[in-house]
Structure formats: structure tokens, C-alpha cells
Amino acid sequence: QVRLVESGGGLVQAGGSLRLSCAYSTRTSSYYAMGWFRQAPGKEREFVAGVSWSGGNTDYADSVKGRFTISRDNAKNMVYLQMNSLKPEETAVYSCAADPVLRRDYVSRWPYEFDYWGQGIQVTVSS
């Protein structure tokens, strides 16, 4: 079992920045690839960014490349999403998720791969 708690959401003006954090806790020694997803009202959940257990490999949705950065600190059991140049259409509930993996360098990006999800946190970008 993995427990995930997001923080750092809120209201920001277009062009601004936010840093989301995800604290994860587990009693196992498994490797977990981590990801961030978002879901806007009336839309499907979409992949935003993913990071391998090692932290050495990352993947991003095309729409956020160059503006968002995912990172992790395994010593602190934390995953971060730095979001810059935010756009109003990126208003959504952002959730972090954990995927138990066998390879430390694997990056997950499909929702079905993730077994554990946080409650989500609201990010609102005003125009």
C-alpha cells in the first residue's frame, strides 16, 4: 500500500508558476515510478509528467514540455512538479500516482499502470 498526499496547489495568474509536492509513504521496499495527472471539468484525466524510481528518466506530455519539470527525492519520499508559464486551460485537479515497477529506470505514463493515487489538488489559472 502507498499513501499519497498532494500539496502546493492554488490560484495563480496566467504566466505564473506553482510547485506541486506529493508526499508518499509505503511499508514496502518496492520501486515506484511516479506520475502527475490532471483532470479538468468535463474532460478525461490526462498524463502530465512521469519520473522513474531512480529519478534519472522523465517523460512529459507534449503540451507541458519545456515549462514543467518533474523531480523526486527518495530520501524524503517526495515528488515535485514545477509548473511555469501556466495557462488558463491548465486549470484542473492535479493528482500524483505511484506505479510499482521492477526496473528503477522505467517511466510510467498510462493511467492503468498506476496502482495508487492521491486525492488530487486544485490548480486554478486565471486569465
Foldseek 3Di string as FASTA:
>chain_A
DKAKAKDFADEAAAQAKTKMKIAMDDPDPFWKKKFKWWDAPPGDIATAKIAFSVQPDMDGDPVQPPFWDWGDDVVRRMIMIIGGRHDQVRWTWMKMFIAGDDDRHDIDTDPVRTDDIYPTDTHGYHD
